[in-house]
PDB file of N, CA and C in Angstrom:
ATOM      1  N   UNK A   1      -1.277  -4.323  17.132  1.00  0.00           N
ATOM      2  CA  UNK A   1      -0.533  -3.951  15.917  1.00  0.00           C
ATOM      3  C   UNK A   1      -0.944  -2.550  15.472  1.00  0.00           C
ATOM      4  N   UNK A   2      -0.049  -1.786  15.075  1.00  0.00           N
ATOM      5  CA  UNK A   2      -0.221  -0.425  14.660  1.00  0.00           C
ATOM      6  C   UNK A   2      -1.111  -0.449  13.392  1.00  0.00           C
ATOM      7  N   UNK A   3      -2.137   0.241  13.366  1.00  0.00           N
ATOM      8  CA  UNK A   3      -3.061   0.330  12.222  1.00  0.00           C
ATOM      9  C   UNK A   3      -2.465   0.964  11.048  1.00  0.00           C
ATOM     10  N   UNK A   4      -1.468   1.813  11.342  1.00  0.00           N
ATOM     11  CA  UNK A   4      -0.845   2.663  10.196  1.00  0.00           C
ATOM     12  C   UNK A   4       0.122   1.759   9.380  1.00  0.00           C
ATOM     13  N   UNK A   5       0.491   0.562   9.890  1.00  0.00           N
ATOM     14  CA  UNK A   5       1.442  -0.240   9.081  1.00  0.00           C
ATOM     15  C   UNK A   5       0.616  -1.082   8.267  1.00  0.00           C
ATOM     16  N   UNK A   6       0.870  -0.948   6.964  1.00  0.00           N
ATOM     17  CA  UNK A   6       0.091  -1.688   5.898  1.00  0.00           C
ATOM     18  C   UNK A   6       0.966  -2.896   5.325  1.00  0.00           C
ATOM     19  N   UNK A   7       0.264  -3.893   4.819  1.00  0.00           N
ATOM     20  CA  UNK A   7       0.944  -4.956   4.123  1.00  0.00           C
ATOM     21  C   UNK A   7       1.617  -4.378   2.930  1.00  0.00           C
ATOM     22  N   UNK A   8       2.868  -4.700   2.620  1.00  0.00           N
ATOM     23  CA  UNK A   8       3.595  -4.127   1.556  1.00  0.00           C
ATOM     24  C   UNK A   8       4.042  -5.145   0.432  1.00  0.00           C
ATOM     25  N   UNK A   9       3.914  -6.384   0.865  1.00  0.00           N
ATOM     26  CA  UNK A   9       4.422  -7.497  -0.016  1.00  0.00           C
ATOM     27  C   UNK A   9       3.313  -7.851  -1.064  1.00  0.00           C
ATOM     28  N   UNK A  10       3.741  -8.220  -2.181  1.00  0.00           N
ATOM     29  CA  UNK A  10       2.953  -8.668  -3.365  1.00  0.00           C
ATOM     30  C   UNK A  10       1.966  -7.736  -3.908  1.00  0.00           C
ATOM     31  N   UNK A  11       2.459  -6.564  -4.119  1.00  0.00           N
ATOM     32  CA  UNK A  11       1.626  -5.483  -4.797  1.00  0.00           C
ATOM     33  C   UNK A  11       2.238  -5.117  -6.095  1.00  0.00           C
ATOM     34  N   UNK A  12       1.455  -4.739  -6.945  1.00  0.00           N
ATOM     35  CA  UNK A  12       1.923  -4.179  -8.298  1.00  0.00           C
ATOM     36  C   UNK A  12       1.504  -2.751  -8.386  1.00  0.00           C
ATOM     37  N   UNK A  13       2.368  -1.730  -8.425  1.00  0.00           N
ATOM     38  CA  UNK A  13       3.852  -1.864  -8.408  1.00  0.00           C
ATOM     39  C   UNK A  13       4.294  -2.292  -7.051  1.00  0.00           C
ATOM     40  N   UNK A  14       5.530  -2.714  -6.951  1.00  0.00           N
ATOM     41  CA  UNK A  14       6.051  -3.176  -5.660  1.00  0.00           C
ATOM     42  C   UNK A  14       6.276  -1.923  -4.734  1.00  0.00           C
ATOM     43  N   UNK A  15       6.296  -2.275  -3.362  1.00  0.00           N
ATOM     44  CA  UNK A  15       6.548  -1.253  -2.406  1.00  0.00           C
ATOM     45  C   UNK A  15       7.734  -0.387  -2.718  1.00  0.00           C
ATOM     46  N   UNK A  16       7.580   0.837  -2.496  1.00  0.00           N
ATOM     47  CA  UNK A  16       8.706   1.787  -2.630  1.00  0.00           C
ATOM     48  C   UNK A  16       9.494   1.816  -1.449  1.00  0.00           C
ATOM     49  N   UNK A  17      10.737   2.439  -1.472  1.00  0.00           N
ATOM     50  CA  UNK A  17      11.592   2.555  -0.369  1.00  0.00           C
ATOM     51  C   UNK A  17      10.920   3.542   0.625  1.00  0.00           C
ATOM     52  N   UNK A  18      10.208   4.563   0.177  1.00  0.00           N
ATOM     53  CA  UNK A  18       9.483   5.365   1.045  1.00  0.00           C
ATOM     54  C   UNK A  18       8.453   4.712   1.813  1.00  0.00           C
ATOM     55  N   UNK A  19       7.632   3.899   1.215  1.00  0.00           N
ATOM     56  CA  UNK A  19       6.612   3.120   1.900  1.00  0.00           C
ATOM     57  C   UNK A  19       7.262   2.191   3.005  1.00  0.00           C
ATOM     58  N   UNK A  20       8.392   1.601   2.714  1.00  0.00           N
ATOM     59  CA  UNK A  20       9.000   0.704   3.703  1.00  0.00           C
ATOM     60  C   UNK A  20       9.576   1.574   4.771  1.00  0.00           C
ATOM     61  N   UNK A  21      10.171   2.711   4.494  1.00  0.00           N
ATOM     62  CA  UNK A  21      10.675   3.547   5.599  1.00  0.00           C
ATOM     63  C   UNK A  21       9.474   4.068   6.469  1.00  0.00           C
ATOM     64  N   UNK A  22       8.431   4.420   5.922  1.00  0.00           N
ATOM     65  CA  UNK A  22       7.243   4.901   6.639  1.00  0.00           C
ATOM     66  C   UNK A  22       6.781   3.841   7.566  1.00  0.00           C
ATOM     67  N   UNK A  23       6.666   2.526   7.117  1.00  0.00           N
ATOM     68  CA  UNK A  23       6.222   1.477   7.996  1.00  0.00           C
ATOM     69  C   UNK A  23       7.271   1.307   9.078  1.00  0.00           C
ATOM     70  N   UNK A  24       8.561   1.382   8.748  1.00  0.00           N
ATOM     71  CA  UNK A  24       9.667   1.332   9.805  1.00  0.00           C
ATOM     72  C   UNK A  24       9.504   2.369  10.829  1.00  0.00           C
ATOM     73  N   UNK A  25       9.252   3.540  10.419  1.00  0.00           N
ATOM     74  CA  UNK A  25       9.051   4.612  11.390  1.00  0.00           C
ATOM     75  C   UNK A  25       7.903   4.404  12.327  1.00  0.00           C
ATOM     76  N   UNK A  26       6.719   3.947  11.763  1.00  0.00           N
ATOM     77  CA  UNK A  26       5.577   3.580  12.580  1.00  0.00           C
ATOM     78  C   UNK A  26       5.851   2.437  13.588  1.00  0.00           C
ATOM     79  N   UNK A  27       6.673   1.449  13.071  1.00  0.00           N
ATOM     80  CA  UNK A  27       7.018   0.401  13.962  1.00  0.00           C
ATOM     81  C   UNK A  27       7.886   0.810  15.143  1.00  0.00           C
ATOM     82  N   UNK A  28       8.872   1.610  14.822  1.00  0.00           N
ATOM     83  CA  UNK A  28       9.715   2.136  15.871  1.00  0.00           C
ATOM     84  C   UNK A  28       9.018   3.045  16.895  1.00  0.00           C
ATOM     85  N   UNK A  29       8.132   3.856  16.309  1.00  0.00           N
ATOM     86  CA  UNK A  29       7.343   4.707  17.216  1.00  0.00           C
ATOM     87  C   UNK A  29       6.522   3.884  18.148  1.00  0.00           C
ATOM     88  N   UNK A  30       5.863   2.805  17.575  1.00  0.00           N
ATOM     89  CA  UNK A  30       5.086   1.955  18.432  1.00  0.00           C
ATOM     90  C   UNK A  30       5.809   1.287  19.528  1.00  0.00           C
ATOM     91  N   UNK A  31       6.983   0.712  19.190  1.00  0.00           N
ATOM     92  CA  UNK A  31       7.611  -0.059  20.276  1.00  0.00           C
ATOM     93  C   UNK A  31       8.451   0.828  21.234  1.00  0.00           C
ATOM     94  N   UNK A  32       8.763   2.021  20.805  1.00  0.00           N
ATOM     95  CA  UNK A  32       9.509   2.995  21.624  1.00  0.00           C
ATOM     96  C   UNK A  32       8.605   3.740  22.501  1.00  0.00           C
ATOM     97  N   UNK A  33       7.327   4.031  22.039  1.00  0.00           N
ATOM     98  CA  UNK A  33       6.380   4.874  22.762  1.00  0.00           C
ATOM     99  C   UNK A  33       6.588   6.363  22.395  1.00  0.00           C
ATOM    100  N   UNK A  34       7.528   6.695  21.446  1.00  0.00           N
ATOM    101  CA  UNK A  34       7.743   8.090  21.013  1.00  0.00           C
ATOM    102  C   UNK A  34       7.189   8.404  19.691  1.00  0.00           C
ATOM    103  N   UNK A  35       6.434   9.444  19.680  1.00  0.00           N
ATOM    104  CA  UNK A  35       6.021   9.892  18.370  1.00  0.00           C
ATOM    105  C   UNK A  35       7.177  10.698  17.765  1.00  0.00           C
ATOM    106  N   UNK A  36       7.708  11.564  18.619  1.00  0.00           N
ATOM    107  CA  UNK A  36       9.006  12.338  18.275  1.00  0.00           C
ATOM    108  C   UNK A  36       9.885  12.117  19.429  1.00  0.00           C
ATOM    109  N   UNK A  37      11.074  11.531  19.261  1.00  0.00           N
ATOM    110  CA  UNK A  37      11.945  11.262  20.376  1.00  0.00           C
ATOM    111  C   UNK A  37      12.651  12.586  20.891  1.00  0.00           C
ATOM    112  N   UNK A  38      13.041  12.557  22.114  1.00  0.00           N
ATOM    113  CA  UNK A  38      13.686  13.666  22.649  1.00  0.00           C
ATOM    114  C   UNK A  38      15.141  13.824  21.997  1.00  0.00           C
ATOM    115  N   UNK A  39      15.824  14.909  22.086  1.00  0.00           N
ATOM    116  CA  UNK A  39      17.085  15.092  21.555  1.00  0.00           C
ATOM    117  C   UNK A  39      18.075  14.056  22.014  1.00  0.00           C
ATOM    118  N   UNK A  40      17.972  13.622  23.254  1.00  0.00           N
ATOM    119  CA  UNK A  40      18.851  12.635  23.827  1.00  0.00           C
ATOM    120  C   UNK A  40      18.645  11.233  23.166  1.00  0.00           C
ATOM    121  N   UNK A  41      17.452  11.014  22.758  1.00  0.00           N
ATOM    122  CA  UNK A  41      17.080   9.659  22.144  1.00  0.00           C
ATOM    123  C   UNK A  41      17.019   9.635  20.644  1.00  0.00           C
ATOM    124  N   UNK A  42      17.172  10.805  20.053  1.00  0.00           N
ATOM    125  CA  UNK A  42      16.937  10.978  18.632  1.00  0.00           C
ATOM    126  C   UNK A  42      17.981  10.179  17.749  1.00  0.00           C
ATOM    127  N   UNK A  43      19.176  10.141  18.257  1.00  0.00           N
ATOM    128  CA  UNK A  43      20.195   9.206  17.485  1.00  0.00           C
ATOM    129  C   UNK A  43      19.796   7.766  17.469  1.00  0.00           C
ATOM    130  N   UNK A  44      19.386   7.314  18.649  1.00  0.00           N
ATOM    131  CA  UNK A  44      19.051   5.873  18.895  1.00  0.00           C
ATOM    132  C   UNK A  44      17.815   5.518  18.026  1.00  0.00           C
ATOM    133  N   UNK A  45      16.785   6.484  18.077  1.00  0.00           N
ATOM    134  CA  UNK A  45      15.533   6.305  17.334  1.00  0.00           C
ATOM    135  C   UNK A  45      15.757   6.284  15.800  1.00  0.00           C
ATOM    136  N   UNK A  46      16.568   7.246  15.368  1.00  0.00           N
ATOM    137  CA  UNK A  46      16.918   7.252  13.840  1.00  0.00           C
ATOM    138  C   UNK A  46      17.677   6.048  13.417  1.00  0.00           C
ATOM    139  N   UNK A  47      18.598   5.608  14.255  1.00  0.00           N
ATOM    140  CA  UNK A  47      19.395   4.370  13.915  1.00  0.00           C
ATOM    141  C   UNK A  47      18.469   3.138  13.843  1.00  0.00           C
ATOM    142  N   UNK A  48      17.579   3.075  14.783  1.00  0.00           N
ATOM    143  CA  UNK A  48      16.578   1.964  14.837  1.00  0.00           C
ATOM    144  C   UNK A  48      15.726   1.971  13.591  1.00  0.00           C
ATOM    145  N   UNK A  49      15.339   3.204  13.071  1.00  0.00           N
ATOM    146  CA  UNK A  49      14.457   3.231  11.907  1.00  0.00           C
ATOM    147  C   UNK A  49      15.269   2.842  10.716  1.00  0.00           C
ATOM    148  N   UNK A  50      16.509   3.231  10.642  1.00  0.00           N
ATOM    149  CA  UNK A  50      17.490   2.770   9.532  1.00  0.00           C
ATOM    150  C   UNK A  50      17.551   1.198   9.502  1.00  0.00           C
ATOM    151  N   UNK A  51      17.798   0.677  10.661  1.00  0.00           N
ATOM    152  CA  UNK A  51      18.029  -0.786  10.794  1.00  0.00           C
ATOM    153  C   UNK A  51      16.772  -1.557  10.452  1.00  0.00           C
ATOM    154  N   UNK A  52      15.583  -1.106  10.921  1.00  0.00           N
ATOM    155  CA  UNK A  52      14.316  -1.763  10.620  1.00  0.00           C
ATOM    156  C   UNK A  52      14.014  -1.645   9.134  1.00  0.00           C
ATOM    157  N   UNK A  53      14.286  -0.406   8.531  1.00  0.00           N
ATOM    158  CA  UNK A  53      14.088  -0.208   7.155  1.00  0.00           C
ATOM    159  C   UNK A  53      14.905  -1.235   6.274  1.00  0.00           C
ATOM    160  N   UNK A  54      16.187  -1.321   6.642  1.00  0.00           N
ATOM    161  CA  UNK A  54      17.111  -2.225   5.988  1.00  0.00           C
ATOM    162  C   UNK A  54      16.620  -3.698   6.092  1.00  0.00           C
ATOM    163  N   UNK A  55      16.174  -3.996   7.349  1.00  0.00           N
ATOM    164  CA  UNK A  55      15.724  -5.475   7.536  1.00  0.00           C
ATOM    165  C   UNK A  55      14.432  -5.740   6.750  1.00  0.00           C
ATOM    166  N   UNK A  56      13.523  -4.675   6.760  1.00  0.00           N
ATOM    167  CA  UNK A  56      12.215  -4.865   5.932  1.00  0.00           C
ATOM    168  C   UNK A  56      12.543  -4.932   4.515  1.00  0.00           C
ATOM    169  N   UNK A  57      13.431  -4.139   3.921  1.00  0.00           N
ATOM    170  CA  UNK A  57      13.828  -4.235   2.520  1.00  0.00           C
ATOM    171  C   UNK A  57      14.396  -5.597   2.179  1.00  0.00           C
ATOM    172  N   UNK A  58      15.196  -6.059   3.053  1.00  0.00           N
ATOM    173  CA  UNK A  58      15.852  -7.389   2.767  1.00  0.00           C
ATOM    174  C   UNK A  58      14.761  -8.448   2.824  1.00  0.00           C
ATOM    175  N   UNK A  59      13.721  -8.310   3.723  1.00  0.00           N
ATOM    176  CA  UNK A  59      12.689  -9.314   3.750  1.00  0.00           C
ATOM    177  C   UNK A  59      11.903  -9.167   2.534  1.00  0.00           C
ATOM    178  N   UNK A  60      11.485  -8.013   2.160  1.00  0.00           N
ATOM    179  CA  UNK A  60      10.629  -7.858   0.908  1.00  0.00           C
ATOM    180  C   UNK A  60      11.369  -8.330  -0.286  1.00  0.00           C
ATOM    181  N   UNK A  61      12.694  -8.203  -0.407  1.00  0.00           N
ATOM    182  CA  UNK A  61      13.529  -8.669  -1.529  1.00  0.00           C
ATOM    183  C   UNK A  61      13.640 -10.197  -1.594  1.00  0.00           C
ATOM    184  N   UNK A  62      13.498 -10.884  -0.438  1.00  0.00           N
ATOM    185  CA  UNK A  62      13.696 -12.308  -0.389  1.00  0.00           C
ATOM    186  C   UNK A  62      12.459 -13.105  -0.408  1.00  0.00           C
ATOM    187  N   UNK A  63      11.251 -12.498  -0.152  1.00  0.00           N
ATOM    188  CA  UNK A  63      10.001 -13.286  -0.127  1.00  0.00           C
ATOM    189  C   UNK A  63       9.673 -13.639  -1.636  1.00  0.00           C
ATOM    190  N   UNK A  64       9.085 -14.831  -1.684  1.00  0.00           N
ATOM    191  CA  UNK A  64       8.496 -15.302  -2.980  1.00  0.00           C
ATOM    192  C   UNK A  64       7.036 -15.779  -2.742  1.00  0.00           C
ATOM    193  N   UNK A  65       6.245 -15.740  -3.822  1.00  0.00           N
ATOM    194  CA  UNK A  65       4.909 -16.200  -3.792  1.00  0.00           C
ATOM    195  C   UNK A  65       4.534 -16.728  -5.128  1.00  0.00           C
ATOM    196  N   UNK A  66       3.592 -17.602  -5.206  1.00  0.00           N
ATOM    197  CA  UNK A  66       2.984 -18.012  -6.414  1.00  0.00           C
ATOM    198  C   UNK A  66       1.710 -17.189  -6.784  1.00  0.00           C
ATOM    199  N   UNK A  67       1.266 -16.410  -5.781  1.00  0.00           N
ATOM    200  CA  UNK A  67      -0.085 -15.617  -5.979  1.00  0.00           C
ATOM    201  C   UNK A  67       0.210 -14.491  -6.889  1.00  0.00           C
ATOM    202  N   UNK A  68      -0.817 -14.143  -7.579  1.00  0.00           N
ATOM    203  CA  UNK A  68      -0.839 -12.977  -8.444  1.00  0.00           C
ATOM    204  C   UNK A  68      -0.637 -11.722  -7.618  1.00  0.00           C
ATOM    205  N   UNK A  69       0.074 -10.713  -8.143  1.00  0.00           N
ATOM    206  CA  UNK A  69       0.227  -9.493  -7.321  1.00  0.00           C
ATOM    207  C   UNK A  69      -1.156  -8.800  -7.075  1.00  0.00           C
ATOM    208  N   UNK A  70      -1.324  -8.203  -5.941  1.00  0.00           N
ATOM    209  CA  UNK A  70      -2.611  -7.448  -5.540  1.00  0.00           C
ATOM    210  C   UNK A  70      -2.501  -6.094  -6.169  1.00  0.00           C
ATOM    211  N   UNK A  71      -3.710  -5.583  -6.516  1.00  0.00           N
ATOM    212  CA  UNK A  71      -3.856  -4.236  -7.058  1.00  0.00           C
ATOM    213  C   UNK A  71      -4.150  -3.261  -5.929  1.00  0.00           C
ATOM    214  N   UNK A  72      -3.338  -2.241  -5.849  1.00  0.00           N
ATOM    215  CA  UNK A  72      -3.434  -1.255  -4.813  1.00  0.00           C
ATOM    216  C   UNK A  72      -4.821  -0.590  -4.694  1.00  0.00           C
ATOM    217  N   UNK A  73      -5.344  -0.216  -5.886  1.00  0.00           N
ATOM    218  CA  UNK A  73      -6.597   0.455  -5.908  1.00  0.00           C
ATOM    219  C   UNK A  73      -7.787  -0.386  -5.349  1.00  0.00           C
ATOM    220  N   UNK A  74      -7.797  -1.680  -5.766  1.00  0.00           N
ATOM    221  CA  UNK A  74      -8.757  -2.544  -5.358  1.00  0.00           C
ATOM    222  C   UNK A  74      -8.633  -2.754  -3.845  1.00  0.00           C
ATOM    223  N   UNK A  75      -7.423  -2.872  -3.260  1.00  0.00           N
ATOM    224  CA  UNK A  75      -7.283  -3.002  -1.860  1.00  0.00           C
ATOM    225  C   UNK A  75      -7.701  -1.772  -1.089  1.00  0.00           C
ATOM    226  N   UNK A  76      -7.476  -0.589  -1.652  1.00  0.00           N
ATOM    227  CA  UNK A  76      -7.942   0.649  -1.085  1.00  0.00           C
ATOM    228  C   UNK A  76      -9.442   0.667  -0.979  1.00  0.00           C
ATOM    229  N   UNK A  77     -10.093   0.268  -2.071  1.00  0.00           N
ATOM    230  CA  UNK A  77     -11.607   0.260  -2.060  1.00  0.00           C
ATOM    231  C   UNK A  77     -12.112  -0.807  -1.043  1.00  0.00           C
ATOM    232  N   UNK A  78     -11.452  -1.943  -0.949  1.00  0.00           N
ATOM    233  CA  UNK A  78     -11.868  -2.949   0.052  1.00  0.00           C
ATOM    234  C   UNK A  78     -11.791  -2.325   1.498  1.00  0.00           C
ATOM    235  N   UNK A  79     -10.641  -1.661   1.777  1.00  0.00           N
ATOM    236  CA  UNK A  79     -10.432  -1.017   3.068  1.00  0.00           C
ATOM    237  C   UNK A  79     -11.495   0.006   3.328  1.00  0.00           C
ATOM    238  N   UNK A  80     -11.901   0.792   2.369  1.00  0.00           N
ATOM    239  CA  UNK A  80     -12.927   1.697   2.574  1.00  0.00           C
ATOM    240  C   UNK A  80     -14.215   1.127   2.904  1.00  0.00           C
ATOM    241  N   UNK A  81     -14.565   0.065   2.144  1.00  0.00           N
ATOM    242  CA  UNK A  81     -15.833  -0.663   2.382  1.00  0.00           C
ATOM    243  C   UNK A  81     -15.828  -1.204   3.823  1.00  0.00           C
ATOM    244  N   UNK A  82     -14.711  -1.838   4.258  1.00  0.00           N
ATOM    245  CA  UNK A  82     -14.637  -2.389   5.683  1.00  0.00           C
ATOM    246  C   UNK A  82     -14.803  -1.224   6.636  1.00  0.00           C
ATOM    247  N   UNK A  83     -14.186  -0.043   6.336  1.00  0.00           N
ATOM    248  CA  UNK A  83     -14.293   1.019   7.264  1.00  0.00           C
ATOM    249  C   UNK A  83     -15.760   1.557   7.352  1.00  0.00           C
ATOM    250  N   UNK A  84     -16.311   1.654   6.275  1.00  0.00           N
ATOM    251  CA  UNK A  84     -17.774   2.121   6.170  1.00  0.00           C
ATOM    252  C   UNK A  84     -18.658   1.254   6.950  1.00  0.00           C
ATOM    253  N   UNK A  85     -18.390  -0.099   6.749  1.00  0.00           N
ATOM    254  CA  UNK A  85     -19.284  -1.095   7.474  1.00  0.00           C
ATOM    255  C   UNK A  85     -18.917  -1.051   8.991  1.00  0.00           C
ATOM    256  N   UNK A  86     -17.770  -0.906   9.325  1.00  0.00           N
ATOM    257  CA  UNK A  86     -17.363  -0.903  10.788  1.00  0.00           C
ATOM    258  C   UNK A  86     -17.854   0.406  11.492  1.00  0.00           C
ATOM    259  N   UNK A  87     -17.712   1.532  10.850  1.00  0.00           N
ATOM    260  CA  UNK A  87     -17.963   2.813  11.527  1.00  0.00           C
ATOM    261  C   UNK A  87     -19.243   3.447  11.067  1.00  0.00           C
ATOM    262  N   UNK A  88     -19.912   2.843  10.066  1.00  0.00           N
ATOM    263  CA  UNK A  88     -21.153   3.401   9.575  1.00  0.00           C
ATOM    264  C   UNK A  88     -21.144   4.656   8.979  1.00  0.00           C
ATOM    265  N   UNK A  89     -20.056   4.869   8.209  1.00  0.00           N
ATOM    266  CA  UNK A  89     -19.868   6.283   7.544  1.00  0.00           C
ATOM    267  C   UNK A  89     -20.782   6.324   6.276  1.00  0.00           C
ATOM    268  N   UNK A  90     -21.139   5.183   5.712  1.00  0.00           N
ATOM    269  CA  UNK A  90     -21.829   5.219   4.452  1.00  0.00           C
ATOM    270  C   UNK A  90     -21.146   5.641   3.227  1.00  0.00           C
ATOM    271  N   UNK A  91     -19.825   5.689   3.301  1.00  0.00           N
ATOM    272  CA  UNK A  91     -19.027   6.052   2.212  1.00  0.00           C
ATOM    273  C   UNK A  91     -18.327   4.883   1.523  1.00  0.00           C
ATOM    274  N   UNK A  92     -19.087   3.848   1.310  1.00  0.00           N
ATOM    275  CA  UNK A  92     -18.515   2.594   0.729  1.00  0.00           C
ATOM    276  C   UNK A  92     -18.606   2.686  -0.819  1.00  0.00           C
TER     277      UNK A  92
END
């Protein structure tokens, strides 16, 4: 799984269109193997990003949960603590 793709569901405030598109770009990059597609593949790459973005937005809009929304700042701090523990940076 691409580490740059983050969970976007059930946060307050909700995921923005930019966040969903960024995750879609990362997904298409991962499965295509292209960071930047060649000119000949650029149209197909961009179309895939648009389609994945639309599918992801549709998914986000249709998911339901009984759980309380997560706080982005709390989740960022938890991720930093995990990273510090994993890599021994001491910046927890």
